[in-house]
Amino acid sequence: NDRNTTAPFPRLIIRFEDIIFFPQEVTEAVCKCAGGTLGHRADDKDVANGTFHYVVRSAKAGFGHGPQSHRNGLIDSWIRYGSVDPQSEYSPHDLALAQEVLDPLIMDAFAYS
């Protein structure tokens, strides 16, 4: 399916696990890709100038995102997604169905098996 690789507009696709486990590296690469540089906001008093600011709280806020207890911040995501083999979370039927319907070019491009 060529529509995934030949879209007539620029796009940037980032794997969820990469932004969770490598936030500084991914953010620097995105800035470089967009023609910018990773900078420091003058009003950001949480970190020293020239260092990366890890946002550890959930990016989701407000009523529409459910109760606070159901949201994941950075550390929660490391714990939740860092120690689990994704394939162990699915039944053999789910894995067979995924193998049948998921685009192998996209799976390969994102290094999923």
Foldseek 3Di string as FASTA:
>chain_A
DCCVPDPPDDDDDDDPVCCLPPVVVVVQVVQVVVVHGDADDPPPPPDDGPDDDAWFQFPDDDDVVDDSVPGGGSVNCCVVPVPDDVVVVDDPVVVVVCVVPPDVVVCVVVVHD
